[in-house]
Amino acid sequence: MRGTGLVAALGLVAAAIGPGPVHVASVAVPVSVLIPGGTFDYRPAGEFRIGTRVLDAPTQQIAVPGLDIMQFQVSEANYAACMVDAGCPDVRTQGRADYAQTGVNHADGTAYAKWLSDQTGQNWRLPTDAEWVRAAGERAAADALDTDASDPDPSRRWLAAYQLETTLRGDADFIAHPQGFFGLNDLGLADMAGNVWEWTESCFQNGTLSADGQSISATAEHCDVRAVQGKHRAFVIDFIRNARSGGCSAGVPPDFLGFRLVRDPV
């Protein structure tokens, strides 16, 4: 069953036209912000070890080309149009046109990107974790626990992780807000690091560090877990709704997960 509100209203149009997919007459090209290319400090996403000890990944200075990214997260109205056009999996909406569409999994975001690309003749996709960090600018969270690579006592890292989690939990905002509520960052993007986390294309990495912890010597990607970004970086399963095919990644996406897209040159 389709969601309520916006989708129900659009469904009336579908019923009036007749059976079969209802193609949206025109899809407005989303407002985007072009971020100049450059270098920035980035800490890779995943879990990194020296032997059995988990440590922060070393910060790397990486170069990125110009990045064209949506100014706002994909809204309920945007996603509802894709559902009515049979381009996206059915996801519950709340009838709030100018609120971010949440409760979506990685496949939903990918499906919307394909649909939008087909509708506009442009190339849209989910951002990588590094691209999201670049776009977040001053709002990108510092998630390092800053424990000493030479310290053999794992309890120090456990305590640092607990303190960080307690701080973040105390700062949580569970109320839905309209687009733009959290304002623009210095690069002109709305609601970066607000209370909706955003899917990225980046897979969780298990990495091995050099003996001094200053470089990554090997990594293995696990793409049933992705990096999502918001007030801090987190790692979540893909939340495949079909328990039979989803395996360990099966589940219902939580109501704080949304997305925005990057546009590549055609």
Protein backbone atom coordinates (compact mmCIF):
# COMPACT_ATOMS: atom_id res chain seq x y z
CA MET A 1 0.00 0.00 0.00
CA ARG A 2 1.27 3.42 -0.87
CA GLY A 3 1.82 6.01 1.81
CA THR A 4 -0.72 8.59 2.83
CA GLY A 5 -0.99 12.31 2.18
CA LEU A 6 0.93 13.41 -0.87
CA VAL A 7 0.97 9.99 -2.48
CA ALA A 8 -2.76 9.56 -1.96
CA ALA A 9 -3.41 12.88 -3.65
CA LEU A 10 -1.17 12.00 -6.55
CA GLY A 11 -2.88 8.62 -6.71
CA LEU A 12 -6.19 10.33 -7.51
CA VAL A 13 -4.54 11.75 -10.60
CA ALA A 14 -3.33 8.28 -11.51
CA ALA A 15 -6.83 6.84 -11.15
CA ALA A 16 -8.31 9.54 -13.35
CA ILE A 17 -5.81 8.89 -16.12
CA GLY A 18 -6.21 5.12 -16.07
CA PRO A 19 -4.22 1.97 -15.38
CA GLY A 20 -0.48 1.63 -15.83
CA PRO A 21 2.42 3.84 -14.78
CA VAL A 22 1.63 7.53 -14.52
CA HIS A 23 4.54 9.54 -15.87
CA VAL A 24 5.10 12.88 -14.22
CA ALA A 25 4.61 15.57 -16.86
CA SER A 26 7.69 17.54 -15.86
CA VAL A 27 10.23 17.25 -13.11
CA ALA A 28 11.94 20.42 -12.00
CA VAL A 29 15.71 20.18 -11.87
CA PRO A 30 16.64 20.35 -8.18
CA VAL A 31 18.38 23.44 -6.86
CA SER A 32 22.03 22.56 -6.38
CA VAL A 33 25.21 24.17 -5.13
CA LEU A 34 28.49 23.91 -7.01
CA ILE A 35 31.37 23.51 -4.57
CA PRO A 36 34.80 24.33 -6.03
CA GLY A 37 37.38 21.58 -6.18
CA GLY A 38 40.24 21.57 -3.72
CA THR A 39 41.92 19.64 -0.93
CA PHE A 40 40.61 18.95 2.55
CA ASP A 41 41.32 16.77 5.56
CA TYR A 42 39.38 13.51 5.63
CA ARG A 43 39.32 10.54 7.97
CA PRO A 44 38.30 7.33 6.12
CA ALA A 45 35.09 5.56 7.13
CA GLY A 46 35.32 2.22 8.92
CA GLU A 47 37.12 0.35 11.67
CA PHE A 48 40.91 0.27 11.65
CA ARG A 49 43.30 -1.82 13.71
CA ILE A 50 46.87 -2.43 14.68
CA GLY A 51 46.79 -6.09 15.61
CA THR A 52 43.65 -6.47 17.72
CA ARG A 53 43.49 -2.83 18.86
CA VAL A 54 40.92 -0.54 17.23
CA LEU A 55 42.26 2.95 16.52
CA ASP A 56 41.24 6.08 14.64
CA ALA A 57 42.04 6.04 10.96
CA PRO A 58 44.74 8.59 10.14
CA THR A 59 43.58 11.87 8.66
CA GLN A 60 44.37 12.14 4.97
CA GLN A 61 44.50 15.22 2.80
CA ILE A 62 42.58 14.37 -0.33
CA ALA A 63 41.90 16.31 -3.50
CA VAL A 64 38.40 16.44 -4.94
CA PRO A 65 37.07 17.98 -8.16
CA GLY A 66 34.20 20.44 -8.17
CA LEU A 67 31.08 18.97 -6.56
CA ASP A 68 27.52 19.75 -7.69
CA ILE A 69 25.19 18.70 -4.87
CA MET A 70 21.53 19.29 -4.00
CA GLN A 71 21.00 22.27 -1.73
CA PHE A 72 18.21 20.45 0.12
CA GLN A 73 17.52 16.86 1.01
CA VAL A 74 15.04 15.03 -1.22
CA SER A 75 11.59 16.00 0.05
CA GLU A 76 8.42 14.00 0.54
CA ALA A 77 6.94 15.73 -2.51
CA ASN A 78 9.97 14.78 -4.62
CA TYR A 79 9.88 11.15 -3.58
CA ALA A 80 6.08 10.87 -3.88
CA ALA A 81 6.32 11.88 -7.54
CA CYS A 82 8.79 9.07 -8.12
CA MET A 83 6.51 6.54 -6.41
CA VAL A 84 3.49 7.57 -8.49
CA ASP A 85 5.61 7.23 -11.63
CA ALA A 86 6.50 3.68 -10.52
CA GLY A 87 10.15 4.65 -10.36
CA CYS A 88 10.70 4.18 -6.61
CA PRO A 89 9.76 1.57 -4.02
CA ASP A 90 6.77 2.46 -1.88
CA VAL A 91 7.74 4.33 1.27
CA ARG A 92 5.41 5.82 3.84
CA THR A 93 5.00 9.60 3.65
CA GLN A 94 3.41 11.93 6.19
CA GLY A 95 1.84 14.38 3.75
CA ARG A 96 4.43 17.08 4.44
CA ALA A 97 5.58 18.33 1.05
CA ASP A 98 8.49 20.43 2.28
CA TYR A 99 9.90 17.97 4.80
CA ALA A 100 12.75 15.57 4.05
CA GLN A 101 11.64 12.12 2.94
CA THR A 102 12.80 9.75 5.66
CA GLY A 103 12.41 6.05 6.35
CA VAL A 104 14.30 5.21 3.17
CA ASN A 105 16.97 2.58 2.63
CA HIS A 106 20.02 2.66 0.37
CA ALA A 107 18.12 1.03 -2.51
CA ASP A 108 15.38 3.68 -2.30
CA GLY A 109 17.95 6.45 -2.66
CA THR A 110 19.58 4.69 -5.60
CA ALA A 111 16.20 4.15 -7.29
CA TYR A 112 15.30 7.81 -6.89
CA ALA A 113 18.65 8.84 -8.37
CA LYS A 114 18.02 6.67 -11.44
CA TRP A 115 14.49 7.99 -11.85
CA LEU A 116 15.59 11.61 -11.53
CA SER A 117 18.40 10.99 -14.01
CA ASP A 118 15.92 9.51 -16.50
CA GLN A 119 13.47 12.38 -16.01
CA THR A 120 16.02 15.17 -16.38
CA GLY A 121 18.59 13.66 -18.74
CA GLN A 122 21.25 14.35 -16.10
CA ASN A 123 23.44 12.06 -13.99
CA TRP A 124 22.37 11.95 -10.34
CA ARG A 125 23.76 9.63 -7.65
CA LEU A 126 24.34 9.33 -3.92
CA PRO A 127 27.48 11.11 -2.68
CA THR A 128 30.46 9.29 -1.28
CA ASP A 129 31.29 9.77 2.38
CA ALA A 130 34.24 11.98 1.46
CA GLU A 131 32.06 14.12 -0.82
CA TRP A 132 29.51 14.57 1.95
CA VAL A 133 32.22 15.66 4.39
CA ARG A 134 33.51 18.15 1.83
CA ALA A 135 29.99 19.54 1.30
CA ALA A 136 29.30 19.75 5.04
CA GLY A 137 32.20 22.16 5.44
CA GLU A 138 32.36 23.57 8.95
CA ARG A 139 29.48 21.33 10.04
CA ALA A 140 31.33 18.07 9.41
CA ALA A 141 31.68 16.23 12.73
CA ALA A 142 35.06 15.36 14.21
CA ASP A 143 34.52 11.74 15.19
CA ALA A 144 38.05 10.75 16.21
CA LEU A 145 38.43 9.45 19.75
CA ASP A 146 42.08 10.57 19.85
CA THR A 147 43.43 7.60 21.76
CA ASP A 148 47.16 6.93 21.68
CA ALA A 149 48.23 4.29 19.16
CA SER A 150 50.92 3.12 21.58
CA ASP A 151 48.53 2.76 24.54
CA PRO A 152 47.77 -0.96 25.09
CA ASP A 153 44.82 -0.28 27.43
CA PRO A 154 41.54 -0.64 25.42
CA SER A 155 39.46 0.77 28.28
CA ARG A 156 40.61 4.31 27.45
CA ARG A 157 39.02 4.03 24.02
CA TRP A 158 35.86 2.48 25.43
CA LEU A 159 35.53 5.39 27.86
CA ALA A 160 36.13 7.97 25.12
CA ALA A 161 33.47 6.29 22.94
CA TYR A 162 31.00 6.27 25.83
CA GLN A 163 31.59 9.95 26.58
CA LEU A 164 31.09 10.88 22.91
CA GLU A 165 27.90 8.82 22.66
CA THR A 166 26.52 10.39 25.85
CA THR A 167 27.20 13.89 24.52
CA LEU A 168 25.53 13.15 21.19
CA ARG A 169 22.51 11.54 22.82
CA GLY A 170 21.98 14.57 25.03
CA ASP A 171 22.00 16.82 21.98
CA ALA A 172 19.45 14.76 20.03
CA ASP A 173 16.44 16.40 18.34
CA PHE A 174 13.64 13.93 17.55
CA ILE A 175 11.16 16.44 16.12
CA ALA A 176 10.66 16.63 12.35
CA HIS A 177 11.27 20.06 10.82
CA PRO A 178 10.63 21.60 7.39
CA GLN A 179 13.43 22.02 4.90
CA GLY A 180 15.74 24.89 5.79
CA PHE A 181 15.06 24.73 9.53
CA PHE A 182 18.75 24.18 10.34
CA GLY A 183 19.88 26.96 8.01
CA LEU A 184 22.70 27.08 5.47
CA ASN A 185 26.30 26.16 6.04
CA ASP A 186 29.14 28.33 4.79
CA LEU A 187 28.93 26.67 1.37
CA GLY A 188 25.21 27.39 1.00
CA LEU A 189 23.83 23.90 1.67
CA ALA A 190 20.73 23.55 3.83
CA ASP A 191 20.31 21.32 6.87
CA MET A 192 23.72 19.68 6.76
CA ALA A 193 24.26 17.87 10.07
CA GLY A 194 20.67 18.57 11.14
CA ASN A 195 18.55 15.79 12.58
CA VAL A 196 18.15 13.78 9.36
CA TRP A 197 21.06 11.49 8.55
CA GLU A 198 21.92 11.07 4.87
CA TRP A 199 22.87 7.97 2.94
CA THR A 200 26.23 7.84 1.20
CA GLU A 201 27.52 5.37 -1.35
CA SER A 202 30.55 4.48 0.77
CA CYS A 203 30.89 0.96 2.16
CA PHE A 204 32.12 0.14 5.64
CA GLN A 205 35.84 -0.66 5.64
CA ASN A 206 37.84 -2.98 7.85
CA GLY A 207 41.37 -1.64 7.70
CA THR A 208 44.83 -2.50 8.91
CA LEU A 209 47.12 0.34 10.00
CA SER A 210 50.87 0.61 9.84
CA ALA A 211 52.78 -0.04 13.06
CA ASP A 212 52.88 3.67 13.89
CA GLY A 213 49.20 4.19 13.02
CA GLN A 214 50.03 6.90 10.48
CA SER A 215 48.94 5.11 7.32
CA ILE A 216 46.48 2.46 6.12
CA SER A 217 48.22 -0.64 4.83
CA ALA A 218 45.17 -2.69 3.77
CA THR A 219 41.37 -2.45 3.64
CA ALA A 220 38.43 -4.73 2.92
CA GLU A 221 35.02 -3.27 2.03
CA HIS A 222 31.72 -4.59 3.38
CA CYS A 223 28.95 -3.08 1.27
CA ASP A 224 26.05 -4.51 3.27
CA VAL A 225 26.90 -1.70 5.70
CA ARG A 226 27.12 1.93 4.55
CA ALA A 227 28.33 5.19 6.00
CA VAL A 228 25.54 7.66 6.75
CA GLN A 229 26.21 11.26 7.70
CA GLY A 230 24.52 13.79 9.94
CA LYS A 231 25.43 15.25 13.31
CA HIS A 232 28.04 12.51 13.32
CA ARG A 233 29.04 9.66 11.04
CA ALA A 234 27.37 6.30 11.62
CA PHE A 235 27.37 2.91 9.96
CA VAL A 236 24.09 1.17 9.19
CA ILE A 237 22.92 -1.89 7.32
CA ASP A 238 21.13 -1.44 4.00
CA PHE A 239 17.73 -2.13 5.66
CA ILE A 240 16.43 -4.45 2.95
CA ARG A 241 12.70 -4.77 3.63
CA ASN A 242 12.40 -8.33 2.32
CA ALA A 243 13.57 -10.52 5.18
CA ARG A 244 13.97 -13.52 2.88
CA SER A 245 16.45 -11.82 0.55
CA GLY A 246 17.91 -9.32 2.99
CA GLY A 247 19.73 -11.73 5.28
CA CYS A 248 21.77 -9.86 7.87
CA SER A 249 20.90 -6.55 6.15
CA ALA A 250 17.14 -7.01 6.48
CA GLY A 251 15.16 -4.45 8.45
CA VAL A 252 12.87 -1.42 8.35
CA PRO A 253 14.70 1.88 7.77
CA PRO A 254 14.43 4.23 10.76
CA ASP A 255 12.62 7.53 10.46
CA PHE A 256 15.77 9.66 10.65
CA LEU A 257 17.36 8.43 7.39
CA GLY A 258 17.05 10.55 4.24
CA PHE A 259 19.32 11.55 1.37
CA ARG A 260 20.43 14.18 -1.10
CA LEU A 261 22.15 13.60 -4.44
CA VAL A 262 25.20 14.69 -6.38
CA ARG A 263 25.02 15.60 -10.08
CA ASP A 264 27.86 14.43 -12.32
CA PRO A 265 28.63 16.04 -15.68
CA VAL A 266 26.79 14.37 -18.57
